[in-house]
Amino acid sequence: MPHVRENSALGGRRWTVRLGSGHAPDQATLWCEDEPLVIAGDQVLPSISPNVGVYATEPGADPLGDWLESCARLGTHASPDQLVLPGHQKPFTGLPQRLQAMVSSHRRALDRLRAHLAVPRSAAECFPVLYRRQISAADYGLALVEAIAHVNYLNAAGEISGELRGDGAIAWKMRD
């Protein structure tokens, strides 16, 4: 499926549909051709990163890699004056800076994770370095699928390897 469909009309405006990925497969974002306006949905949020998780239907997926690629690709169309309508929270401007801030945050988390995986650890044992806060029972599921996304990203890049432990968890470790 192509990442772009140009010149669709909606609400008296011309739009380009650009697909993102990572938070959801083929997350449609709408870019107005008539004024600086972007309907970003959950692909880009103003103060938090969208949840990028691995789910049981695709345990080996690399949604973080997909999301980082999407941010880079969408960033080539972003301008500071665009009003961004996110799926959550308030509209904002400064889309290029927001995309860069989200990507930088995940890259820093990956760097911390690389150091943490000097010894074998499960995805859940990576919470302290990924989130740097206590994860509540209510947030555990979202935190786990996102931790697995970070681990899968490093695994897809060939940086880590996993081994099944006696408790049924996969222990991930940096390759020698």
N, C-alpha and C. Protein backbone atom coordinates (compact mmCIF):
# COMPACT_ATOMS: atom_id res chain seq x y z
N MET A 1 0.85 -1.18 0.00
CA MET A 1 0.00 0.00 0.00
C MET A 1 0.89 1.25 0.00
N PRO A 2 0.62 2.21 -0.87
CA PRO A 2 1.45 3.43 -0.89
C PRO A 2 1.26 4.25 0.38
N HIS A 3 2.27 5.03 0.72
CA HIS A 3 2.22 5.85 1.93
C HIS A 3 1.44 7.14 1.72
N VAL A 4 1.08 7.48 0.47
CA VAL A 4 0.45 8.77 0.19
C VAL A 4 -0.70 8.61 -0.79
N ARG A 5 -1.77 9.32 -0.52
CA ARG A 5 -2.84 9.47 -1.50
C ARG A 5 -3.13 10.96 -1.56
N GLU A 6 -2.90 11.55 -2.71
CA GLU A 6 -2.98 13.01 -2.82
C GLU A 6 -4.33 13.48 -3.33
N ASN A 7 -4.62 14.73 -2.97
CA ASN A 7 -5.75 15.48 -3.50
C ASN A 7 -7.10 14.83 -3.30
N SER A 8 -7.37 14.41 -2.09
CA SER A 8 -8.70 13.96 -1.72
C SER A 8 -9.45 15.17 -1.18
N ALA A 9 -10.74 15.28 -1.49
CA ALA A 9 -11.53 16.40 -1.02
C ALA A 9 -12.37 15.97 0.18
N LEU A 10 -12.40 16.83 1.19
CA LEU A 10 -13.18 16.55 2.38
C LEU A 10 -13.46 17.89 3.06
N GLY A 11 -14.72 18.16 3.35
CA GLY A 11 -15.08 19.37 4.06
C GLY A 11 -14.70 20.64 3.33
N GLY A 12 -14.73 20.62 2.00
CA GLY A 12 -14.40 21.81 1.22
C GLY A 12 -12.91 22.12 1.16
N ARG A 13 -12.09 21.21 1.61
CA ARG A 13 -10.64 21.39 1.57
C ARG A 13 -10.01 20.24 0.79
N ARG A 14 -8.82 20.52 0.24
CA ARG A 14 -8.06 19.46 -0.43
C ARG A 14 -7.06 18.90 0.57
N TRP A 15 -6.97 17.57 0.62
CA TRP A 15 -6.13 16.88 1.60
C TRP A 15 -5.21 15.88 0.92
N THR A 16 -4.06 15.70 1.53
CA THR A 16 -3.20 14.59 1.18
C THR A 16 -3.22 13.64 2.37
N VAL A 17 -3.47 12.38 2.09
CA VAL A 17 -3.47 11.35 3.13
C VAL A 17 -2.07 10.74 3.15
N ARG A 18 -1.41 10.85 4.29
CA ARG A 18 -0.10 10.24 4.48
C ARG A 18 -0.21 9.20 5.60
N LEU A 19 0.26 8.01 5.32
CA LEU A 19 0.15 6.93 6.30
C LEU A 19 1.35 6.90 7.22
N GLY A 20 1.06 6.76 8.49
CA GLY A 20 2.07 6.50 9.49
C GLY A 20 1.95 5.05 9.90
N SER A 21 2.80 4.64 10.81
CA SER A 21 2.76 3.27 11.29
C SER A 21 3.39 3.23 12.67
N GLY A 22 3.27 2.09 13.32
CA GLY A 22 3.88 1.91 14.62
C GLY A 22 2.85 1.88 15.73
N HIS A 23 2.10 2.96 15.89
CA HIS A 23 1.03 2.97 16.89
C HIS A 23 -0.10 2.08 16.39
N ALA A 24 -0.38 2.19 15.12
CA ALA A 24 -1.40 1.37 14.46
C ALA A 24 -0.93 1.15 13.03
N PRO A 25 -1.26 0.00 12.46
CA PRO A 25 -0.88 -0.20 11.06
C PRO A 25 -1.64 0.80 10.18
N ASP A 26 -0.92 1.42 9.28
CA ASP A 26 -1.54 2.35 8.33
C ASP A 26 -2.39 3.42 9.01
N GLN A 27 -1.81 4.10 9.97
CA GLN A 27 -2.47 5.21 10.67
C GLN A 27 -2.58 6.39 9.70
N ALA A 28 -3.79 6.71 9.28
CA ALA A 28 -4.00 7.82 8.34
C ALA A 28 -3.79 9.15 9.04
N THR A 29 -3.01 10.01 8.40
CA THR A 29 -2.89 11.40 8.82
C THR A 29 -3.31 12.24 7.62
N LEU A 30 -4.01 13.33 7.88
CA LEU A 30 -4.54 14.18 6.81
C LEU A 30 -3.82 15.51 6.82
N TRP A 31 -3.26 15.88 5.67
CA TRP A 31 -2.48 17.10 5.52
C TRP A 31 -3.22 18.02 4.56
N CYS A 32 -3.68 19.15 5.06
CA CYS A 32 -4.47 20.08 4.26
C CYS A 32 -3.57 20.79 3.24
N GLU A 33 -4.04 20.84 2.01
CA GLU A 33 -3.30 21.52 0.93
C GLU A 33 -3.67 23.00 0.85
N ASP A 34 -4.73 23.41 1.53
CA ASP A 34 -5.23 24.77 1.42
C ASP A 34 -4.81 25.68 2.57
N GLU A 35 -4.40 25.10 3.66
CA GLU A 35 -3.97 25.89 4.83
C GLU A 35 -3.06 25.01 5.69
N PRO A 36 -2.30 25.59 6.60
CA PRO A 36 -1.37 24.79 7.41
C PRO A 36 -2.10 24.03 8.52
N LEU A 37 -2.64 22.88 8.17
CA LEU A 37 -3.45 22.08 9.07
C LEU A 37 -3.15 20.60 8.86
N VAL A 38 -2.94 19.87 9.96
CA VAL A 38 -2.68 18.43 9.91
C VAL A 38 -3.58 17.75 10.93
N ILE A 39 -4.31 16.76 10.49
CA ILE A 39 -5.05 15.90 11.41
C ILE A 39 -4.17 14.68 11.63
N ALA A 40 -3.55 14.61 12.81
CA ALA A 40 -2.52 13.62 13.07
C ALA A 40 -3.03 12.35 13.74
N GLY A 41 -4.22 12.38 14.31
CA GLY A 41 -4.69 11.21 15.03
C GLY A 41 -3.73 10.87 16.15
N ASP A 42 -3.48 9.57 16.34
CA ASP A 42 -2.57 9.13 17.40
C ASP A 42 -1.13 8.97 16.92
N GLN A 43 -0.84 9.32 15.68
CA GLN A 43 0.53 9.19 15.18
C GLN A 43 1.46 10.17 15.87
N VAL A 44 0.96 11.37 16.15
CA VAL A 44 1.76 12.41 16.81
C VAL A 44 0.89 13.05 17.89
N LEU A 45 1.39 13.03 19.11
CA LEU A 45 0.67 13.63 20.24
C LEU A 45 1.51 14.77 20.81
N PRO A 46 0.86 15.76 21.44
CA PRO A 46 1.59 16.96 21.85
C PRO A 46 2.54 16.84 23.03
N SER A 47 2.26 15.94 23.98
CA SER A 47 3.12 15.92 25.16
C SER A 47 3.57 14.53 25.58
N ILE A 48 3.00 13.51 24.98
CA ILE A 48 3.44 12.14 25.24
C ILE A 48 3.66 11.47 23.90
N SER A 49 4.36 10.38 23.93
CA SER A 49 4.55 9.59 22.72
C SER A 49 3.38 8.63 22.60
N PRO A 50 2.90 8.37 21.39
CA PRO A 50 1.84 7.37 21.26
C PRO A 50 2.36 6.01 21.72
N ASN A 51 1.46 5.18 22.21
CA ASN A 51 1.86 3.84 22.61
C ASN A 51 2.23 3.06 21.37
N VAL A 52 3.43 2.56 21.34
CA VAL A 52 3.95 1.75 20.24
C VAL A 52 4.23 0.38 20.84
N GLY A 53 3.33 -0.57 20.58
CA GLY A 53 3.42 -1.84 21.27
C GLY A 53 3.40 -3.05 20.36
N VAL A 54 3.88 -4.15 20.91
CA VAL A 54 3.84 -5.46 20.25
C VAL A 54 2.74 -6.26 20.91
N TYR A 55 1.90 -6.86 20.09
CA TYR A 55 0.75 -7.61 20.59
C TYR A 55 0.85 -9.08 20.19
N ALA A 56 0.05 -9.90 20.83
CA ALA A 56 0.12 -11.35 20.66
C ALA A 56 -0.10 -11.79 19.21
N THR A 57 -0.80 -11.00 18.43
CA THR A 57 -1.07 -11.37 17.04
C THR A 57 0.18 -11.31 16.17
N GLU A 58 1.18 -10.51 16.58
CA GLU A 58 2.44 -10.39 15.83
C GLU A 58 3.60 -10.25 16.81
N PRO A 59 3.94 -11.33 17.52
CA PRO A 59 4.95 -11.21 18.58
C PRO A 59 6.34 -10.81 18.11
N GLY A 60 6.66 -11.02 16.84
CA GLY A 60 7.98 -10.65 16.34
C GLY A 60 8.00 -9.33 15.61
N ALA A 61 6.91 -8.58 15.67
CA ALA A 61 6.81 -7.31 14.94
C ALA A 61 7.80 -6.28 15.47
N ASP A 62 8.12 -5.31 14.63
CA ASP A 62 8.99 -4.20 15.00
C ASP A 62 8.24 -2.88 14.81
N PRO A 63 7.20 -2.63 15.61
CA PRO A 63 6.44 -1.40 15.43
C PRO A 63 7.24 -0.14 15.76
N LEU A 64 8.24 -0.25 16.64
CA LEU A 64 9.05 0.93 16.94
C LEU A 64 9.86 1.34 15.71
N GLY A 65 10.43 0.37 15.01
CA GLY A 65 11.14 0.68 13.77
C GLY A 65 10.20 1.32 12.76
N ASP A 66 8.98 0.79 12.65
CA ASP A 66 7.98 1.36 11.74
C ASP A 66 7.63 2.78 12.13
N TRP A 67 7.45 3.00 13.43
CA TRP A 67 7.06 4.33 13.91
C TRP A 67 8.18 5.35 13.69
N LEU A 68 9.43 4.96 13.99
CA LEU A 68 10.56 5.87 13.77
C LEU A 68 10.68 6.23 12.30
N GLU A 69 10.50 5.24 11.41
CA GLU A 69 10.56 5.50 9.97
C GLU A 69 9.43 6.45 9.57
N SER A 70 8.24 6.24 10.12
CA SER A 70 7.10 7.10 9.81
C SER A 70 7.36 8.54 10.26
N CYS A 71 7.92 8.70 11.44
CA CYS A 71 8.21 10.06 11.93
C CYS A 71 9.19 10.77 11.00
N ALA A 72 10.21 10.06 10.55
CA ALA A 72 11.18 10.66 9.63
C ALA A 72 10.51 11.03 8.31
N ARG A 73 9.69 10.14 7.80
CA ARG A 73 9.03 10.39 6.51
C ARG A 73 8.02 11.53 6.62
N LEU A 74 7.22 11.52 7.67
CA LEU A 74 6.23 12.59 7.86
C LEU A 74 6.91 13.92 8.15
N GLY A 75 8.06 13.87 8.80
CA GLY A 75 8.79 15.09 9.11
C GLY A 75 9.22 15.88 7.89
N THR A 76 9.38 15.20 6.76
CA THR A 76 9.76 15.91 5.53
C THR A 76 8.63 16.79 5.01
N HIS A 77 7.43 16.62 5.53
CA HIS A 77 6.27 17.41 5.10
C HIS A 77 5.82 18.39 6.17
N ALA A 78 6.47 18.36 7.32
CA ALA A 78 6.05 19.16 8.47
C ALA A 78 6.64 20.57 8.40
N SER A 79 5.85 21.52 8.87
CA SER A 79 6.34 22.89 9.01
C SER A 79 5.90 23.43 10.37
N PRO A 80 6.65 24.39 10.91
CA PRO A 80 6.37 24.89 12.26
C PRO A 80 4.99 25.54 12.40
N ASP A 81 4.45 26.08 11.31
CA ASP A 81 3.19 26.81 11.41
C ASP A 81 1.94 25.95 11.27
N GLN A 82 2.09 24.68 10.98
CA GLN A 82 0.92 23.82 10.83
C GLN A 82 0.22 23.64 12.17
N LEU A 83 -1.09 23.80 12.17
CA LEU A 83 -1.88 23.48 13.34
C LEU A 83 -2.14 21.98 13.31
N VAL A 84 -1.70 21.30 14.35
CA VAL A 84 -1.82 19.84 14.41
C VAL A 84 -2.98 19.47 15.33
N LEU A 85 -3.90 18.67 14.80
CA LEU A 85 -5.02 18.18 15.59
C LEU A 85 -4.73 16.73 15.95
N PRO A 86 -4.31 16.48 17.20
CA PRO A 86 -3.95 15.12 17.61
C PRO A 86 -5.19 14.34 18.03
N GLY A 87 -5.02 13.05 18.20
CA GLY A 87 -6.11 12.19 18.65
C GLY A 87 -6.42 12.38 20.13
N HIS A 88 -5.49 12.92 20.89
CA HIS A 88 -5.66 13.17 22.33
C HIS A 88 -5.02 14.51 22.64
N GLN A 89 -5.53 15.17 23.64
CA GLN A 89 -5.01 16.43 24.15
C GLN A 89 -5.32 17.58 23.19
N LYS A 90 -4.68 18.71 23.40
CA LYS A 90 -5.02 19.94 22.69
C LYS A 90 -4.23 20.09 21.39
N PRO A 91 -4.79 20.82 20.42
CA PRO A 91 -4.05 21.14 19.19
C PRO A 91 -2.76 21.88 19.52
N PHE A 92 -1.79 21.78 18.60
CA PHE A 92 -0.50 22.42 18.82
C PHE A 92 0.13 22.79 17.49
N THR A 93 1.15 23.62 17.55
CA THR A 93 1.99 23.95 16.40
C THR A 93 3.41 23.50 16.74
N GLY A 94 4.29 23.57 15.76
CA GLY A 94 5.67 23.16 15.99
C GLY A 94 5.88 21.69 15.67
N LEU A 95 5.23 21.21 14.62
CA LEU A 95 5.28 19.78 14.29
C LEU A 95 6.70 19.26 14.04
N PRO A 96 7.57 19.96 13.31
CA PRO A 96 8.92 19.41 13.13
C PRO A 96 9.65 19.18 14.46
N GLN A 97 9.52 20.13 15.37
CA GLN A 97 10.18 20.00 16.66
C GLN A 97 9.56 18.87 17.48
N ARG A 98 8.24 18.72 17.40
CA ARG A 98 7.58 17.66 18.17
C ARG A 98 7.98 16.29 17.67
N LEU A 99 8.03 16.11 16.35
CA LEU A 99 8.47 14.84 15.80
C LEU A 99 9.89 14.52 16.25
N GLN A 100 10.77 15.51 16.19
CA GLN A 100 12.16 15.30 16.60
C GLN A 100 12.25 14.98 18.08
N ALA A 101 11.46 15.65 18.90
CA ALA A 101 11.50 15.41 20.34
C ALA A 101 11.05 13.98 20.67
N MET A 102 10.00 13.50 19.99
CA MET A 102 9.53 12.14 20.25
C MET A 102 10.57 11.11 19.81
N VAL A 103 11.16 11.31 18.64
CA VAL A 103 12.18 10.39 18.15
C VAL A 103 13.39 10.39 19.08
N SER A 104 13.83 11.57 19.49
CA SER A 104 14.98 11.68 20.39
C SER A 104 14.71 10.98 21.72
N SER A 105 13.50 11.09 22.23
CA SER A 105 13.14 10.44 23.48
C SER A 105 13.26 8.92 23.36
N HIS A 106 12.78 8.37 22.26
CA HIS A 106 12.88 6.92 22.06
C HIS A 106 14.32 6.49 21.83
N ARG A 107 15.10 7.29 21.13
CA ARG A 107 16.51 6.94 20.91
C ARG A 107 17.29 6.94 22.23
N ARG A 108 16.99 7.90 23.10
CA ARG A 108 17.64 7.92 24.43
C ARG A 108 17.22 6.69 25.24
N ALA A 109 15.94 6.32 25.15
CA ALA A 109 15.47 5.12 25.85
C ALA A 109 16.18 3.87 25.32
N LEU A 110 16.38 3.80 24.01
CA LEU A 110 17.11 2.67 23.43
C LEU A 110 18.55 2.64 23.90
N ASP A 111 19.18 3.78 24.03
CA ASP A 111 20.56 3.83 24.54
C ASP A 111 20.62 3.32 25.99
N ARG A 112 19.66 3.74 26.81
CA ARG A 112 19.63 3.26 28.20
C ARG A 112 19.38 1.75 28.22
N LEU A 113 18.51 1.28 27.32
CA LEU A 113 18.19 -0.14 27.25
C LEU A 113 19.41 -0.96 26.85
N ARG A 114 20.18 -0.47 25.89
CA ARG A 114 21.41 -1.18 25.49
C ARG A 114 22.33 -1.39 26.69
N ALA A 115 22.52 -0.35 27.47
CA ALA A 115 23.39 -0.46 28.65
C ALA A 115 22.79 -1.44 29.67
N HIS A 116 21.49 -1.40 29.84
CA HIS A 116 20.79 -2.25 30.81
C HIS A 116 20.88 -3.72 30.42
N LEU A 117 20.94 -3.99 29.13
CA LEU A 117 20.97 -5.37 28.65
C LEU A 117 22.38 -5.94 28.57
N ALA A 118 23.28 -5.38 29.33
CA ALA A 118 24.62 -5.98 29.47
C ALA A 118 24.49 -7.32 30.17
N VAL A 119 23.42 -7.47 30.95
CA VAL A 119 23.08 -8.75 31.57
C VAL A 119 21.67 -9.13 31.10
N PRO A 120 21.36 -10.42 31.03
CA PRO A 120 20.06 -10.85 30.52
C PRO A 120 18.89 -10.34 31.37
N ARG A 121 17.86 -9.84 30.67
CA ARG A 121 16.67 -9.32 31.36
C ARG A 121 15.45 -9.54 30.49
N SER A 122 14.33 -9.73 31.14
CA SER A 122 13.06 -9.81 30.42
C SER A 122 12.61 -8.40 30.06
N ALA A 123 11.63 -8.31 29.19
CA ALA A 123 11.10 -6.99 28.81
C ALA A 123 10.57 -6.25 30.04
N ALA A 124 9.87 -6.96 30.92
CA ALA A 124 9.33 -6.31 32.12
C ALA A 124 10.45 -5.82 33.04
N GLU A 125 11.58 -6.49 33.03
CA GLU A 125 12.71 -6.06 33.86
C GLU A 125 13.42 -4.84 33.27
N CYS A 126 12.96 -4.40 32.11
CA CYS A 126 13.52 -3.20 31.47
C CYS A 126 12.71 -1.94 31.80
N PHE A 127 11.60 -2.08 32.51
CA PHE A 127 10.77 -0.93 32.85
C PHE A 127 11.56 0.21 33.49
N PRO A 128 12.42 -0.06 34.49
CA PRO A 128 13.09 1.07 35.17
C PRO A 128 13.90 1.96 34.22
N VAL A 129 14.58 1.38 33.23
CA VAL A 129 15.38 2.22 32.34
C VAL A 129 14.56 2.82 31.22
N LEU A 130 13.49 2.17 30.82
CA LEU A 130 12.65 2.74 29.76
C LEU A 130 11.76 3.87 30.26
N TYR A 131 11.19 3.70 31.44
CA TYR A 131 10.18 4.65 31.92
C TYR A 131 10.65 5.54 33.05
N ARG A 132 11.66 5.13 33.78
CA ARG A 132 12.23 5.90 34.88
C ARG A 132 11.17 6.37 35.89
N ARG A 133 10.18 5.51 36.07
CA ARG A 133 9.15 5.74 37.08
C ARG A 133 8.51 4.40 37.41
N GLN A 134 7.81 4.37 38.50
CA GLN A 134 7.10 3.15 38.89
C GLN A 134 5.91 2.95 37.96
N ILE A 135 5.72 1.75 37.46
CA ILE A 135 4.59 1.45 36.59
C ILE A 135 3.46 0.89 37.44
N SER A 136 2.30 1.51 37.35
CA SER A 136 1.14 1.07 38.14
C SER A 136 0.52 -0.17 37.50
N ALA A 137 -0.29 -0.85 38.27
CA ALA A 137 -1.00 -2.03 37.74
C ALA A 137 -1.87 -1.64 36.56
N ALA A 138 -2.46 -0.45 36.60
CA ALA A 138 -3.32 0.01 35.50
C ALA A 138 -2.54 0.25 34.22
N ASP A 139 -1.26 0.62 34.33
CA ASP A 139 -0.43 0.93 33.16
C ASP A 139 0.44 -0.24 32.72
N TYR A 140 0.42 -1.34 33.47
CA TYR A 140 1.34 -2.45 33.22
C TYR A 140 1.22 -3.00 31.80
N GLY A 141 0.01 -3.24 31.32
CA GLY A 141 -0.16 -3.83 29.99
C GLY A 141 0.41 -2.96 28.89
N LEU A 142 0.12 -1.66 28.91
CA LEU A 142 0.66 -0.75 27.90
C LEU A 142 2.17 -0.63 28.02
N ALA A 143 2.67 -0.62 29.25
CA ALA A 143 4.12 -0.54 29.45
C ALA A 143 4.80 -1.80 28.91
N LEU A 144 4.20 -2.95 29.12
CA LEU A 144 4.82 -4.19 28.67
C LEU A 144 4.87 -4.27 27.15
N VAL A 145 3.77 -3.95 26.47
CA VAL A 145 3.80 -4.05 25.01
C VAL A 145 4.78 -3.06 24.40
N GLU A 146 4.95 -1.90 25.05
CA GLU A 146 5.91 -0.93 24.55
C GLU A 146 7.35 -1.36 24.86
N ALA A 147 7.57 -1.97 26.02
CA ALA A 147 8.90 -2.49 26.35
C ALA A 147 9.29 -3.58 25.35
N ILE A 148 8.34 -4.44 25.00
CA ILE A 148 8.61 -5.48 24.01
C ILE A 148 8.92 -4.85 22.66
N ALA A 149 8.25 -3.75 22.31
CA ALA A 149 8.56 -3.06 21.05
C ALA A 149 10.00 -2.57 21.03
N HIS A 150 10.49 -2.07 22.15
CA HIS A 150 11.88 -1.61 22.21
C HIS A 150 12.85 -2.77 22.11
N VAL A 151 12.54 -3.86 22.79
CA VAL A 151 13.38 -5.05 22.72
C VAL A 151 13.36 -5.61 21.29
N ASN A 152 12.18 -5.68 20.69
CA ASN A 152 12.09 -6.20 19.32
C ASN A 152 12.86 -5.33 18.33
N TYR A 153 12.88 -4.03 18.56
CA TYR A 153 13.65 -3.13 17.69
C TYR A 153 15.13 -3.50 17.72
N LEU A 154 15.67 -3.68 18.93
CA LEU A 154 17.08 -4.05 19.06
C LEU A 154 17.34 -5.45 18.50
N ASN A 155 16.38 -6.34 18.69
CA ASN A 155 16.52 -7.69 18.15
C ASN A 155 16.51 -7.67 16.62
N ALA A 156 15.61 -6.91 16.04
CA ALA A 156 15.54 -6.81 14.57
C ALA A 156 16.82 -6.22 14.00
N ALA A 157 17.47 -5.35 14.76
CA ALA A 157 18.73 -4.74 14.32
C ALA A 157 19.92 -5.67 14.56
N GLY A 158 19.67 -6.83 15.16
CA GLY A 158 20.75 -7.79 15.43
C GLY A 158 21.63 -7.42 16.60
N GLU A 159 21.17 -6.49 17.45
CA GLU A 159 21.99 -6.03 18.57
C GLU A 159 21.88 -6.90 19.80
N ILE A 160 20.75 -7.61 19.95
CA ILE A 160 20.53 -8.43 21.13
C ILE A 160 20.08 -9.82 20.72
N SER A 161 20.14 -10.72 21.66
CA SER A 161 19.60 -12.06 21.45
C SER A 161 18.84 -12.45 22.71
N GLY A 162 17.88 -13.36 22.53
CA GLY A 162 17.06 -13.78 23.65
C GLY A 162 17.16 -15.27 23.90
N GLU A 163 16.97 -15.62 25.17
CA GLU A 163 17.00 -17.02 25.56
C GLU A 163 15.85 -17.26 26.54
N LEU A 164 15.11 -18.35 26.32
CA LEU A 164 13.99 -18.68 27.18
C LEU A 164 14.49 -19.09 28.56
N ARG A 165 13.95 -18.44 29.60
CA ARG A 165 14.31 -18.76 30.97
C ARG A 165 13.37 -19.82 31.53
N GLY A 166 13.71 -20.35 32.67
CA GLY A 166 12.89 -21.36 33.34
C GLY A 166 11.51 -20.85 33.73
N ASP A 167 11.37 -19.53 33.95
CA ASP A 167 10.07 -18.98 34.33
C ASP A 167 9.19 -18.67 33.13
N GLY A 168 9.68 -18.98 31.91
CA GLY A 168 8.89 -18.77 30.70
C GLY A 168 9.13 -17.43 30.02
N ALA A 169 9.87 -16.55 30.66
CA ALA A 169 10.17 -15.25 30.05
C ALA A 169 11.39 -15.38 29.15
N ILE A 170 11.47 -14.51 28.16
CA ILE A 170 12.67 -14.44 27.33
C ILE A 170 13.60 -13.42 27.96
N ALA A 171 14.83 -13.84 28.21
CA ALA A 171 15.85 -12.94 28.76
C ALA A 171 16.69 -12.43 27.59
N TRP A 172 16.70 -11.12 27.43
CA TRP A 172 17.41 -10.46 26.32
C TRP A 172 18.74 -9.94 26.81
N LYS A 173 19.74 -10.02 25.93
CA LYS A 173 21.09 -9.56 26.29
C LYS A 173 21.77 -9.04 25.03
N MET A 174 22.62 -8.04 25.22
CA MET A 174 23.41 -7.52 24.10
C MET A 174 24.28 -8.64 23.57
N ARG A 175 24.43 -8.67 22.26
CA ARG A 175 25.31 -9.68 21.64
C ARG A 175 26.77 -9.32 21.94
N ASP A 176 27.59 -10.35 22.05
CA ASP A 176 29.02 -10.13 22.33
C ASP A 176 29.74 -9.60 21.12
